[in-house]
């Protein structure tokens, strides 16, 4: 039986052997949620990069360049990290280069894994189905906030682990704790996540609607994966577009 493990911060990833394992990168508010939205609206591929300086170098190649820091769009970029930005008609068929405060950094740090997959509440059921199909050890990587622990990513890790616990053995206390936390929070997930520092940050920025959107469950039947440094949808996932 494959194992499932939770890494509560990218800074803890160095303690984990990624060889032969699938890493699910989690950044609920908002990078991995927005990536799922982009693919659901017809994006062709997404290039996650570490810095705005690197991101903008893709503009001459026709990429839509997106950059976010501290919850806000970076000046000079077409879009930031709001899921609503990835619903525009220009997204269909587009290549996107994106850098965010947390999620794209977590993807970069995971590249020694056998597979990297993108997880959010928006595609949770499809993600769990694919993980069961693959039958490979799984690491749920919480992107956190600037390498610190955060609440919303842990809750999602708990939701996935709870769904998989009959098919996977639980490898660590972090996963047990994440499941327990999700079981408490799931009674009113939106209210619980509003306790988080990131939610408070969003409310201050006037983007509270992004929280409610990102907490919707199972609205997209797709699982983005990283291949050759680009996020794509495998052929079996192409049924997912809502456009």
Foldseek 3Di string as FASTA:
>chain_A
DAEEAEDQFLVCCVVDDQEQEEEAFDDLVPALPLVLLLVLAAAAWEFEDADLVVQVVCVVVPAQEEEEELSDTDPPHPYYTFSVVSNDNVSHHHYHYYHYQFRSVSVVSNVNHPWYKYDAQQALVLVLVVCLVVRTHYYYYYRDGNRDGWDPSLLSLLVSCVVCVVRHPYDDVSNVVSVVVNVVCVVPVLVVNCVIPSCVSCVVVVNNVSSVVRNHHHNWNFMWIDDPSMTRTPPVRSVTHPD
